[in-house]
C-alpha atoms as a PDB file:
ATOM      1  CA  UNK A   1      16.537   9.825  13.992  1.00  0.00           C
ATOM      2  CA  UNK A   2      16.302  12.341  11.481  1.00  0.00           C
ATOM      3  CA  UNK A   3      15.566  10.773   8.227  1.00  0.00           C
ATOM      4  CA  UNK A   4      17.544  13.664   6.522  1.00  0.00           C
ATOM      5  CA  UNK A   5      20.777  12.675   8.002  1.00  0.00           C
ATOM      6  CA  UNK A   6      23.036  10.464   5.518  1.00  0.00           C
ATOM      7  CA  UNK A   7      23.480   7.439   7.421  1.00  0.00           C
ATOM      8  CA  UNK A   8      25.905   4.711   5.786  1.00  0.00           C
ATOM      9  CA  UNK A   9      25.478   1.172   6.256  1.00  0.00           C
ATOM     10  CA  UNK A  10      23.826  -1.869   4.850  1.00  0.00           C
ATOM     11  CA  UNK A  11      20.629  -1.165   2.755  1.00  0.00           C
ATOM     12  CA  UNK A  12      17.106  -0.960   4.331  1.00  0.00           C
ATOM     13  CA  UNK A  13      14.099  -1.012   1.899  1.00  0.00           C
ATOM     14  CA  UNK A  14      10.453  -0.579   2.950  1.00  0.00           C
ATOM     15  CA  UNK A  15       7.721  -1.117   0.338  1.00  0.00           C
ATOM     16  CA  UNK A  16       4.694   0.680   1.890  1.00  0.00           C
ATOM     17  CA  UNK A  17       2.097  -1.617   0.210  1.00  0.00           C
ATOM     18  CA  UNK A  18      -1.074   0.204  -0.282  1.00  0.00           C
ATOM     19  CA  UNK A  19      -3.676  -2.007  -0.777  1.00  0.00           C
ATOM     20  CA  UNK A  20      -4.929  -2.520  -4.275  1.00  0.00           C
ATOM     21  CA  UNK A  21      -1.770  -1.421  -5.863  1.00  0.00           C
ATOM     22  CA  UNK A  22      -0.205  -4.812  -7.129  1.00  0.00           C
ATOM     23  CA  UNK A  23       1.408  -5.841  -4.021  1.00  0.00           C
ATOM     24  CA  UNK A  24       0.567  -9.509  -4.376  1.00  0.00           C
ATOM     25  CA  UNK A  25       2.420  -9.214  -7.697  1.00  0.00           C
ATOM     26  CA  UNK A  26       5.557  -7.604  -6.349  1.00  0.00           C
ATOM     27  CA  UNK A  27       5.451  -9.877  -3.299  1.00  0.00           C
ATOM     28  CA  UNK A  28       4.861 -13.098  -5.306  1.00  0.00           C
ATOM     29  CA  UNK A  29       7.016 -12.650  -8.606  1.00  0.00           C
ATOM     30  CA  UNK A  30       9.319  -9.679  -7.957  1.00  0.00           C
ATOM     31  CA  UNK A  31      10.719  -9.395  -4.407  1.00  0.00           C
ATOM     32  CA  UNK A  32      11.572 -13.022  -3.757  1.00  0.00           C
ATOM     33  CA  UNK A  33      13.855 -13.024  -6.591  1.00  0.00           C
ATOM     34  CA  UNK A  34      16.081 -10.278  -4.948  1.00  0.00           C
ATOM     35  CA  UNK A  35      18.974 -12.345  -4.133  1.00  0.00           C
ATOM     36  CA  UNK A  36      20.850  -9.354  -2.916  1.00  0.00           C
ATOM     37  CA  UNK A  37      18.592  -8.328  -0.184  1.00  0.00           C
ATOM     38  CA  UNK A  38      17.074 -10.451   2.672  1.00  0.00           C
ATOM     39  CA  UNK A  39      13.430 -10.320   1.713  1.00  0.00           C
ATOM     40  CA  UNK A  40      10.528 -10.379   4.252  1.00  0.00           C
ATOM     41  CA  UNK A  41       7.131  -9.969   2.510  1.00  0.00           C
ATOM     42  CA  UNK A  42       4.182  -9.982   4.930  1.00  0.00           C
ATOM     43  CA  UNK A  43       6.549 -11.216   7.952  1.00  0.00           C
ATOM     44  CA  UNK A  44       4.712 -12.579  10.869  1.00  0.00           C
ATOM     45  CA  UNK A  45       5.569 -12.652  14.579  1.00  0.00           C
ATOM     46  CA  UNK A  46       5.342 -14.952  17.479  1.00  0.00           C
ATOM     47  CA  UNK A  47       5.776 -12.258  20.233  1.00  0.00           C
ATOM     48  CA  UNK A  48       2.287 -10.753  20.161  1.00  0.00           C
ATOM     49  CA  UNK A  49      -0.663 -12.969  21.428  1.00  0.00           C
ATOM     50  CA  UNK A  50      -3.572 -10.671  21.836  1.00  0.00           C
ATOM     51  CA  UNK A  51      -7.062 -11.402  20.241  1.00  0.00           C
ATOM     52  CA  UNK A  52      -6.234  -8.232  17.919  1.00  0.00           C
ATOM     53  CA  UNK A  53      -3.178  -9.869  16.838  1.00  0.00           C
ATOM     54  CA  UNK A  54      -4.734 -13.260  15.867  1.00  0.00           C
ATOM     55  CA  UNK A  55      -7.361 -11.334  13.953  1.00  0.00           C
ATOM     56  CA  UNK A  56      -4.389  -9.733  12.125  1.00  0.00           C
ATOM     57  CA  UNK A  57      -2.791 -13.246  11.521  1.00  0.00           C
ATOM     58  CA  UNK A  58       0.072 -12.209  13.590  1.00  0.00           C
ATOM     59  CA  UNK A  59       1.613  -9.960  10.852  1.00  0.00           C
ATOM     60  CA  UNK A  60       4.495  -8.391  12.229  1.00  0.00           C
ATOM     61  CA  UNK A  61       3.619  -4.826  11.151  1.00  0.00           C
ATOM     62  CA  UNK A  62      -0.029  -5.158  11.822  1.00  0.00           C
ATOM     63  CA  UNK A  63       0.704  -5.985  15.400  1.00  0.00           C
ATOM     64  CA  UNK A  64       3.216  -3.371  16.074  1.00  0.00           C
ATOM     65  CA  UNK A  65       1.247  -0.569  14.353  1.00  0.00           C
ATOM     66  CA  UNK A  66      -1.906  -1.037  16.411  1.00  0.00           C
ATOM     67  CA  UNK A  67       0.517  -0.176  19.377  1.00  0.00           C
ATOM     68  CA  UNK A  68       2.342   2.967  20.051  1.00  0.00           C
ATOM     69  CA  UNK A  69       5.798   3.757  18.661  1.00  0.00           C
ATOM     70  CA  UNK A  70       7.208   3.599  21.944  1.00  0.00           C
ATOM     71  CA  UNK A  71       7.471  -0.261  21.522  1.00  0.00           C
ATOM     72  CA  UNK A  72      10.660  -0.031  19.134  1.00  0.00           C
ATOM     73  CA  UNK A  73      12.985   1.390  22.127  1.00  0.00           C
ATOM     74  CA  UNK A  74      11.264  -1.054  24.423  1.00  0.00           C
ATOM     75  CA  UNK A  75      10.947  -4.454  22.530  1.00  0.00           C
ATOM     76  CA  UNK A  76      11.934  -3.575  19.225  1.00  0.00           C
ATOM     77  CA  UNK A  77      15.137  -5.623  19.475  1.00  0.00           C
ATOM     78  CA  UNK A  78      13.159  -9.202  19.256  1.00  0.00           C
ATOM     79  CA  UNK A  79      11.119  -8.002  16.666  1.00  0.00           C
ATOM     80  CA  UNK A  80      14.093  -7.092  14.499  1.00  0.00           C
ATOM     81  CA  UNK A  81      15.678 -10.356  15.272  1.00  0.00           C
ATOM     82  CA  UNK A  82      12.572 -12.122  13.960  1.00  0.00           C
ATOM     83  CA  UNK A  83      12.877  -9.961  10.786  1.00  0.00           C
ATOM     84  CA  UNK A  84      16.518 -10.559  10.291  1.00  0.00           C
ATOM     85  CA  UNK A  85      16.360 -14.278  11.175  1.00  0.00           C
ATOM     86  CA  UNK A  86      19.078 -16.371  12.693  1.00  0.00           C
ATOM     87  CA  UNK A  87      21.105 -16.453   9.438  1.00  0.00           C
ATOM     88  CA  UNK A  88      21.690 -12.720   9.510  1.00  0.00           C
ATOM     89  CA  UNK A  89      25.353 -12.004   8.509  1.00  0.00           C
ATOM     90  CA  UNK A  90      25.218  -8.365   9.832  1.00  0.00           C
ATOM     91  CA  UNK A  91      26.334  -7.133   6.100  1.00  0.00           C
ATOM     92  CA  UNK A  92      23.332  -7.977   3.865  1.00  0.00           C
ATOM     93  CA  UNK A  93      20.581  -5.506   3.203  1.00  0.00           C
ATOM     94  CA  UNK A  94      16.827  -6.101   4.113  1.00  0.00           C
ATOM     95  CA  UNK A  95      13.544  -5.305   2.268  1.00  0.00           C
ATOM     96  CA  UNK A  96      10.305  -5.469   4.152  1.00  0.00           C
ATOM     97  CA  UNK A  97       6.987  -5.178   2.223  1.00  0.00           C
ATOM     98  CA  UNK A  98       3.467  -5.292   3.963  1.00  0.00           C
ATOM     99  CA  UNK A  99       0.217  -4.023   3.190  1.00  0.00           C
ATOM    100  CA  UNK A 100      -0.164  -3.463   6.956  1.00  0.00           C
ATOM    101  CA  UNK A 101       2.113  -0.510   6.624  1.00  0.00           C
ATOM    102  CA  UNK A 102       0.099   1.059   4.038  1.00  0.00           C
ATOM    103  CA  UNK A 103      -2.863   0.727   5.648  1.00  0.00           C
ATOM    104  CA  UNK A 104      -1.345   2.693   8.657  1.00  0.00           C
ATOM    105  CA  UNK A 105      -1.309   5.721   6.001  1.00  0.00           C
ATOM    106  CA  UNK A 106      -4.748   6.676   7.504  1.00  0.00           C
ATOM    107  CA  UNK A 107      -2.746   7.946  10.461  1.00  0.00           C
ATOM    108  CA  UNK A 108       0.303   9.482   8.532  1.00  0.00           C
ATOM    109  CA  UNK A 109       1.663  11.073  11.928  1.00  0.00           C
ATOM    110  CA  UNK A 110       1.592   7.695  13.656  1.00  0.00           C
ATOM    111  CA  UNK A 111       3.044   5.882  10.436  1.00  0.00           C
ATOM    112  CA  UNK A 112       5.985   8.404  10.711  1.00  0.00           C
ATOM    113  CA  UNK A 113       6.709   7.976  14.208  1.00  0.00           C
ATOM    114  CA  UNK A 114       6.895   4.073  14.037  1.00  0.00           C
ATOM    115  CA  UNK A 115       8.788   4.178  10.851  1.00  0.00           C
ATOM    116  CA  UNK A 116      11.410   6.633  12.600  1.00  0.00           C
ATOM    117  CA  UNK A 117      11.756   4.529  15.525  1.00  0.00           C
ATOM    118  CA  UNK A 118      12.193   1.231  13.398  1.00  0.00           C
ATOM    119  CA  UNK A 119      14.721   3.010  11.593  1.00  0.00           C
ATOM    120  CA  UNK A 120      16.668   4.201  14.631  1.00  0.00           C
ATOM    121  CA  UNK A 121      16.666   0.601  16.048  1.00  0.00           C
ATOM    122  CA  UNK A 122      17.929  -0.804  12.443  1.00  0.00           C
ATOM    123  CA  UNK A 123      20.627   1.742  12.854  1.00  0.00           C
ATOM    124  CA  UNK A 124      21.952  -0.203  15.612  1.00  0.00           C
ATOM    125  CA  UNK A 125      22.450  -3.135  13.537  1.00  0.00           C
ATOM    126  CA  UNK A 126      24.216  -1.447  10.942  1.00  0.00           C
ATOM    127  CA  UNK A 127      21.858  -0.690   8.564  1.00  0.00           C
ATOM    128  CA  UNK A 128      21.641   2.956   6.440  1.00  0.00           C
ATOM    129  CA  UNK A 129      18.568   5.308   6.721  1.00  0.00           C
ATOM    130  CA  UNK A 130      15.674   3.447   4.754  1.00  0.00           C
ATOM    131  CA  UNK A 131      14.759   3.927   1.495  1.00  0.00           C
ATOM    132  CA  UNK A 132      11.020   3.837   1.077  1.00  0.00           C
ATOM    133  CA  UNK A 133       8.878   3.019  -1.982  1.00  0.00           C
ATOM    134  CA  UNK A 134       4.997   3.206  -2.523  1.00  0.00           C
ATOM    135  CA  UNK A 135       2.601   2.611  -5.231  1.00  0.00           C
ATOM    136  CA  UNK A 136      -0.045   5.204  -5.775  1.00  0.00           C
ATOM    137  CA  UNK A 137      -3.384   4.710  -7.477  1.00  0.00           C
ATOM    138  CA  UNK A 138      -6.120   7.254  -8.560  1.00  0.00           C
ATOM    139  CA  UNK A 139      -8.439   7.522  -5.748  1.00  0.00           C
ATOM    140  CA  UNK A 140     -11.633   6.994  -7.740  1.00  0.00           C
ATOM    141  CA  UNK A 141     -10.746   3.923  -9.245  1.00  0.00           C
ATOM    142  CA  UNK A 142      -9.153   2.551  -5.801  1.00  0.00           C
ATOM    143  CA  UNK A 143     -12.301   3.080  -3.952  1.00  0.00           C
ATOM    144  CA  UNK A 144     -14.338   1.231  -6.426  1.00  0.00           C
ATOM    145  CA  UNK A 145     -11.818  -1.693  -6.154  1.00  0.00           C
ATOM    146  CA  UNK A 146     -11.729  -1.515  -2.589  1.00  0.00           C
ATOM    147  CA  UNK A 147     -15.528  -1.720  -2.221  1.00  0.00           C
ATOM    148  CA  UNK A 148     -15.584  -4.509  -4.628  1.00  0.00           C
ATOM    149  CA  UNK A 149     -12.996  -6.332  -2.604  1.00  0.00           C
ATOM    150  CA  UNK A 150     -14.985  -6.118   0.723  1.00  0.00           C
ATOM    151  CA  UNK A 151     -18.396  -6.192  -0.746  1.00  0.00           C
ATOM    152  CA  UNK A 152     -18.885  -9.924   0.399  1.00  0.00           C
ATOM    153  CA  UNK A 153     -18.843  -8.661   3.763  1.00  0.00           C
ATOM    154  CA  UNK A 154     -21.319  -5.712   3.180  1.00  0.00           C
ATOM    155  CA  UNK A 155     -25.026  -6.380   3.715  1.00  0.00           C
ATOM    156  CA  UNK A 156     -26.919  -5.519   0.583  1.00  0.00           C
ATOM    157  CA  UNK A 157     -23.622  -4.357  -1.129  1.00  0.00           C
ATOM    158  CA  UNK A 158     -24.329  -2.173  -4.389  1.00  0.00           C
ATOM    159  CA  UNK A 159     -24.756   1.105  -6.062  1.00  0.00           C
ATOM    160  CA  UNK A 160     -26.574   2.676  -3.152  1.00  0.00           C
ATOM    161  CA  UNK A 161     -23.978   1.452  -0.549  1.00  0.00           C
ATOM    162  CA  UNK A 162     -20.982   2.341  -2.643  1.00  0.00           C
ATOM    163  CA  UNK A 163     -22.505   5.964  -3.085  1.00  0.00           C
ATOM    164  CA  UNK A 164     -22.866   5.916   0.730  1.00  0.00           C
ATOM    165  CA  UNK A 165     -19.446   4.775   1.366  1.00  0.00           C
ATOM    166  CA  UNK A 166     -17.918   7.219  -0.861  1.00  0.00           C
ATOM    167  CA  UNK A 167     -19.953  10.051   0.698  1.00  0.00           C
ATOM    168  CA  UNK A 168     -18.482   8.879   4.441  1.00  0.00           C
ATOM    169  CA  UNK A 169     -15.084   9.037   2.988  1.00  0.00           C
ATOM    170  CA  UNK A 170     -15.106  12.250   1.491  1.00  0.00           C
ATOM    171  CA  UNK A 171     -16.873  13.879   4.598  1.00  0.00           C
ATOM    172  CA  UNK A 172     -14.673  15.662   6.951  1.00  0.00           C
ATOM    173  CA  UNK A 173     -16.934  15.319   9.661  1.00  0.00           C
ATOM    174  CA  UNK A 174     -16.945  11.455   9.005  1.00  0.00           C
ATOM    175  CA  UNK A 175     -14.101   9.545   7.336  1.00  0.00           C
ATOM    176  CA  UNK A 176     -11.983  11.778   5.317  1.00  0.00           C
ATOM    177  CA  UNK A 177      -9.653  12.592   8.215  1.00  0.00           C
ATOM    178  CA  UNK A 178      -9.815   8.866   9.025  1.00  0.00           C
ATOM    179  CA  UNK A 179     -10.046   5.824   6.606  1.00  0.00           C
ATOM    180  CA  UNK A 180     -10.120   8.774   3.709  1.00  0.00           C
ATOM    181  CA  UNK A 181      -6.524   9.922   4.840  1.00  0.00           C
ATOM    182  CA  UNK A 182      -5.004   6.841   3.334  1.00  0.00           C
ATOM    183  CA  UNK A 183      -5.459   8.294  -0.104  1.00  0.00           C
ATOM    184  CA  UNK A 184      -4.031  11.562   0.830  1.00  0.00           C
ATOM    185  CA  UNK A 185      -0.920  11.114  -0.899  1.00  0.00           C
ATOM    186  CA  UNK A 186       0.710  14.298  -0.279  1.00  0.00           C
ATOM    187  CA  UNK A 187       0.171  13.509   3.549  1.00  0.00           C
ATOM    188  CA  UNK A 188       1.652  10.215   3.175  1.00  0.00           C
ATOM    189  CA  UNK A 189       4.630  11.492   1.229  1.00  0.00           C
ATOM    190  CA  UNK A 190       5.101  14.222   3.908  1.00  0.00           C
ATOM    191  CA  UNK A 191       5.434  11.456   6.624  1.00  0.00           C
ATOM    192  CA  UNK A 192       7.607   9.309   4.474  1.00  0.00           C
ATOM    193  CA  UNK A 193       9.886  12.298   3.622  1.00  0.00           C
ATOM    194  CA  UNK A 194      10.090  13.091   7.328  1.00  0.00           C
ATOM    195  CA  UNK A 195      11.575   9.572   7.859  1.00  0.00           C
ATOM    196  CA  UNK A 196      13.702   8.863   4.893  1.00  0.00           C
ATOM    197  CA  UNK A 197      14.474  12.658   3.323  1.00  0.00           C
ATOM    198  CA  UNK A 198      13.573  13.617  -0.191  1.00  0.00           C
ATOM    199  CA  UNK A 199      15.712  11.400  -1.796  1.00  0.00           C
ATOM    200  CA  UNK A 200      14.676   8.506   0.108  1.00  0.00           C
ATOM    201  CA  UNK A 201      11.195   8.276  -1.139  1.00  0.00           C
ATOM    202  CA  UNK A 202      10.217   6.894  -4.357  1.00  0.00           C
ATOM    203  CA  UNK A 203       6.537   6.987  -5.580  1.00  0.00           C
ATOM    204  CA  UNK A 204       5.283   5.163  -8.542  1.00  0.00           C
ATOM    205  CA  UNK A 205       1.861   5.025 -10.018  1.00  0.00           C
ATOM    206  CA  UNK A 206       0.113   1.818 -10.151  1.00  0.00           C
ATOM    207  CA  UNK A 207      -1.529   2.771 -13.599  1.00  0.00           C
ATOM    208  CA  UNK A 208       1.940   3.013 -14.943  1.00  0.00           C
ATOM    209  CA  UNK A 209       2.782  -0.451 -13.680  1.00  0.00           C
ATOM    210  CA  UNK A 210      -0.240  -1.850 -15.591  1.00  0.00           C
ATOM    211  CA  UNK A 211      -0.076   0.147 -18.754  1.00  0.00           C
ATOM    212  CA  UNK A 212       3.839   0.104 -19.051  1.00  0.00           C
ATOM    213  CA  UNK A 213       5.242  -2.674 -16.813  1.00  0.00           C
ATOM    214  CA  UNK A 214       8.826  -2.953 -18.092  1.00  0.00           C
ATOM    215  CA  UNK A 215      10.052   0.922 -17.698  1.00  0.00           C
ATOM    216  CA  UNK A 216       7.901   0.860 -14.195  1.00  0.00           C
ATOM    217  CA  UNK A 217       9.747  -2.163 -12.797  1.00  0.00           C
ATOM    218  CA  UNK A 218      13.154  -1.150 -14.215  1.00  0.00           C
ATOM    219  CA  UNK A 219      12.726   1.958 -12.157  1.00  0.00           C
ATOM    220  CA  UNK A 220      11.569   0.070  -9.226  1.00  0.00           C
ATOM    221  CA  UNK A 221      14.565  -2.522  -9.520  1.00  0.00           C
ATOM    222  CA  UNK A 222      17.020   0.267 -10.100  1.00  0.00           C
ATOM    223  CA  UNK A 223      15.880   1.885  -6.672  1.00  0.00           C
ATOM    224  CA  UNK A 224      16.135  -1.624  -4.834  1.00  0.00           C
ATOM    225  CA  UNK A 225      19.766  -1.819  -6.174  1.00  0.00           C
ATOM    226  CA  UNK A 226      18.967  -4.703  -8.112  1.00  0.00           C
ATOM    227  CA  UNK A 227      22.026  -6.285 -10.239  1.00  0.00           C
ATOM    228  CA  UNK A 228      21.941  -5.841 -14.051  1.00  0.00           C
ATOM    229  CA  UNK A 229      21.259  -9.362 -15.062  1.00  0.00           C
ATOM    230  CA  UNK A 230      18.545 -10.015 -12.517  1.00  0.00           C
ATOM    231  CA  UNK A 231      16.993  -6.609 -13.133  1.00  0.00           C
ATOM    232  CA  UNK A 232      17.235  -7.569 -16.779  1.00  0.00           C
ATOM    233  CA  UNK A 233      14.934 -10.668 -16.236  1.00  0.00           C
ATOM    234  CA  UNK A 234      12.573  -9.293 -13.695  1.00  0.00           C
ATOM    235  CA  UNK A 235      11.597  -6.302 -15.822  1.00  0.00           C
ATOM    236  CA  UNK A 236       9.858  -8.519 -18.267  1.00  0.00           C
ATOM    237  CA  UNK A 237       8.112 -10.312 -15.557  1.00  0.00           C
ATOM    238  CA  UNK A 238       4.436 -10.856 -16.677  1.00  0.00           C
ATOM    239  CA  UNK A 239       1.825 -10.562 -13.725  1.00  0.00           C
ATOM    240  CA  UNK A 240      -1.851 -11.539 -13.504  1.00  0.00           C
ATOM    241  CA  UNK A 241      -3.835  -8.946 -11.893  1.00  0.00           C
ATOM    242  CA  UNK A 242      -6.995  -9.704 -10.041  1.00  0.00           C
ATOM    243  CA  UNK A 243      -9.257  -7.488 -12.095  1.00  0.00           C
ATOM    244  CA  UNK A 244     -12.885  -7.097 -11.398  1.00  0.00           C
ATOM    245  CA  UNK A 245     -13.479  -4.252 -13.634  1.00  0.00           C
ATOM    246  CA  UNK A 246     -14.599  -3.499 -17.117  1.00  0.00           C
ATOM    247  CA  UNK A 247     -15.716  -0.368 -19.243  1.00  0.00           C
ATOM    248  CA  UNK A 248     -18.755  -1.482 -20.742  1.00  0.00           C
ATOM    249  CA  UNK A 249     -20.589   1.383 -22.312  1.00  0.00           C
ATOM    250  CA  UNK A 250     -17.997   3.531 -21.471  1.00  0.00           C
ATOM    251  CA  UNK A 251     -18.503   3.752 -17.630  1.00  0.00           C
ATOM    252  CA  UNK A 252     -15.926   1.867 -15.590  1.00  0.00           C
ATOM    253  CA  UNK A 253     -17.698  -1.107 -13.743  1.00  0.00           C
ATOM    254  CA  UNK A 254     -16.463  -3.339 -10.647  1.00  0.00           C
ATOM    255  CA  UNK A 255     -17.850  -6.927 -10.263  1.00  0.00           C
ATOM    256  CA  UNK A 256     -19.107  -7.413  -6.674  1.00  0.00           C
ATOM    257  CA  UNK A 257     -18.150 -10.721  -4.808  1.00  0.00           C
ATOM    258  CA  UNK A 258     -20.770 -13.099  -3.539  1.00  0.00           C
ATOM    259  CA  UNK A 259     -21.893 -12.800   0.045  1.00  0.00           C
ATOM    260  CA  UNK A 260     -19.651 -14.566   2.727  1.00  0.00           C
ATOM    261  CA  UNK A 261     -20.534 -16.132   5.955  1.00  0.00           C
ATOM    262  CA  UNK A 262     -17.973 -15.169   8.935  1.00  0.00           C
ATOM    263  CA  UNK A 263     -16.189 -18.008  10.387  1.00  0.00           C
ATOM    264  CA  UNK A 264     -13.773 -18.532  13.332  1.00  0.00           C
ATOM    265  CA  UNK A 265     -10.391 -16.804  13.081  1.00  0.00           C
ATOM    266  CA  UNK A 266     -11.328 -14.083  10.887  1.00  0.00           C
ATOM    267  CA  UNK A 267     -11.729 -16.584   7.953  1.00  0.00           C
ATOM    268  CA  UNK A 268     -15.088 -16.307   5.745  1.00  0.00           C
ATOM    269  CA  UNK A 269     -16.947 -18.818   3.728  1.00  0.00           C
ATOM    270  CA  UNK A 270     -17.930 -17.595   0.314  1.00  0.00           C
ATOM    271  CA  UNK A 271     -21.369 -18.489  -0.834  1.00  0.00           C
ATOM    272  CA  UNK A 272     -21.570 -20.095  -4.306  1.00  0.00           C
ATOM    273  CA  UNK A 273     -21.695 -17.447  -7.035  1.00  0.00           C
ATOM    274  CA  UNK A 274     -24.238 -19.787  -8.922  1.00  0.00           C
ATOM    275  CA  UNK A 275     -26.813 -19.016  -6.395  1.00  0.00           C
ATOM    276  CA  UNK A 276     -26.425 -15.371  -5.968  1.00  0.00           C
ATOM    277  CA  UNK A 277     -27.070 -12.889  -8.654  1.00  0.00           C
ATOM    278  CA  UNK A 278     -24.110 -11.019 -10.148  1.00  0.00           C
ATOM    279  CA  UNK A 279     -24.012  -7.747  -8.825  1.00  0.00           C
ATOM    280  CA  UNK A 280     -21.825  -4.630 -10.025  1.00  0.00           C
ATOM    281  CA  UNK A 281     -21.108  -1.005  -9.402  1.00  0.00           C
ATOM    282  CA  UNK A 282     -20.157   1.781 -11.602  1.00  0.00           C
ATOM    283  CA  UNK A 283     -18.125   4.870 -11.467  1.00  0.00           C
ATOM    284  CA  UNK A 284     -19.886   7.501 -13.668  1.00  0.00           C
ATOM    285  CA  UNK A 285     -17.884  10.771 -14.484  1.00  0.00           C
ATOM    286  CA  UNK A 286     -20.071  12.909 -11.793  1.00  0.00           C
ATOM    287  CA  UNK A 287     -18.879  10.777  -9.021  1.00  0.00           C
ATOM    288  CA  UNK A 288     -15.252  10.267 -10.201  1.00  0.00           C
ATOM    289  CA  UNK A 289     -15.041  13.950 -10.254  1.00  0.00           C
ATOM    290  CA  UNK A 290     -16.486  14.357  -7.042  1.00  0.00           C
ATOM    291  CA  UNK A 291     -13.824  11.853  -5.730  1.00  0.00           C
ATOM    292  CA  UNK A 292     -10.781  13.417  -7.689  1.00  0.00           C
ATOM    293  CA  UNK A 293     -11.617  16.825  -6.820  1.00  0.00           C
ATOM    294  CA  UNK A 294     -11.497  16.016  -3.099  1.00  0.00           C
ATOM    295  CA  UNK A 295      -8.010  14.990  -3.397  1.00  0.00           C
ATOM    296  CA  UNK A 296      -7.038  17.270  -6.308  1.00  0.00           C
ATOM    297  CA  UNK A 297      -4.820  19.712  -4.023  1.00  0.00           C
ATOM    298  CA  UNK A 298      -3.246  16.659  -2.603  1.00  0.00           C
ATOM    299  CA  UNK A 299      -2.465  15.010  -6.024  1.00  0.00           C
ATOM    300  CA  UNK A 300      -1.138  18.351  -7.354  1.00  0.00           C
ATOM    301  CA  UNK A 301       1.237  18.578  -4.421  1.00  0.00           C
ATOM    302  CA  UNK A 302       2.529  15.340  -5.157  1.00  0.00           C
ATOM    303  CA  UNK A 303       2.755  15.847  -8.969  1.00  0.00           C
ATOM    304  CA  UNK A 304       4.606  19.247  -8.339  1.00  0.00           C
ATOM    305  CA  UNK A 305       6.972  17.621  -5.522  1.00  0.00           C
ATOM    306  CA  UNK A 306       7.987  14.364  -7.647  1.00  0.00           C
ATOM    307  CA  UNK A 307       7.671  15.396 -11.464  1.00  0.00           C
ATOM    308  CA  UNK A 308       5.237  12.381 -11.751  1.00  0.00           C
ATOM    309  CA  UNK A 309       2.866  12.933 -14.670  1.00  0.00           C
ATOM    310  CA  UNK A 310      -0.245  12.297 -12.582  1.00  0.00           C
ATOM    311  CA  UNK A 311      -2.486  14.217 -15.141  1.00  0.00           C
ATOM    312  CA  UNK A 312      -1.579  11.431 -17.648  1.00  0.00           C
ATOM    313  CA  UNK A 313      -3.071   8.678 -15.459  1.00  0.00           C
ATOM    314  CA  UNK A 314      -5.960  10.340 -14.496  1.00  0.00           C
ATOM    315  CA  UNK A 315      -5.645  11.636 -11.057  1.00  0.00           C
ATOM    316  CA  UNK A 316      -7.326  14.877 -11.807  1.00  0.00           C
ATOM    317  CA  UNK A 317     -10.870  15.528 -12.157  1.00  0.00           C
ATOM    318  CA  UNK A 318     -11.995  16.459 -15.996  1.00  0.00           C
ATOM    319  CA  UNK A 319     -14.105  19.283 -16.057  1.00  0.00           C
ATOM    320  CA  UNK A 320     -17.983  18.616 -16.590  1.00  0.00           C
ATOM    321  CA  UNK A 321     -19.400  19.072 -20.007  1.00  0.00           C
ATOM    322  CA  UNK A 322     -21.560  22.009 -20.427  1.00  0.00           C
END
C-alpha cells in the first residue's frame, strides 16, 4: 500500500517509541486514558516461541521486526487478531505504542517495509492509513542517557568507555550505519513518510515535552483525535522522568548504574549501590559538538521539512570558542 493514498476507515495510530524519549510516561499516564481508541502499549504475543523471542519478552513487534516483513501477508492475521482482542467491534480505532518499533529505526528501510505491510493488513480490517507519531531527542544527550541506562551491563563503564562508544557510533566503518542510524532522524522521517504520507507523520522534540509539557501534550492529543474533555485533563498530567543527569559546573553529567549480574531469562540482579562507588560520565562541549556535528545535516533536513525549531532545543552544534 502506498502511504500517500487517502484511505478512509477507522483510525490507526502508531507511536514509534524511540528509547529515552518519555515512552514510559506516555504509556503509563497518557495512552491508557484514551477511551476513544483501543490502546496497546508494549503488546505481547503467544505466537512466536524461539529463544530470541523469549529474550525479547515475547513483545509482539520485537518478535515481528526481527523477522522478514513477508510475515505480515503470511501470518499477520493472527498477530492482528491478538492486537485487536476478542472484543473488537470492527469500528473502534487502534493505538499501538512500543519501543521495539523505535529500536528498528536503526534499519529504516526494513522498518518501512514492516510498517507498510502491517498497514496493508490493517486495511483489510477496515483501518485507514496509519498516523505515526515519534518523539525525537538531541543526539548528544540521547547517547549519554543511553550509556548511563546500560552501564550496569558494561564492564568498567566510565568516561573512557563512553567516549569509545561515541567513537564507534559515529564511525561510518563501525556503527554509524548500524546502531547510529537510529538517531538519523531524517532517515527515520523519510521511512515513516513513505508509509503514512507527509501529513501522516508527527515528530515532536522530547525537550519540548520536558520544558513545555502542556502545549506539547495538547498537540499530541489533538493528533490522536482525543475528545476535548479528555484532552483537557490529560494535557496537565504530571510525569516523573527517570532523570540521571545534572549540570554541575555547567557540564552535563549522567550518573551510571551499579554493576549487575545476569540471571536466567534475560533478567539481571543489581549489586547494592552502597558497596560500589558512584560513577558518572560527562558531556563536555567538544564531545557534544562532535556528536551534533555528525547529525547536523540530518537535523537540518528535519527542521526544514517539519518547521520544528530544533535549534531552540539544542540540536545543532555550537561553534567552538576562539
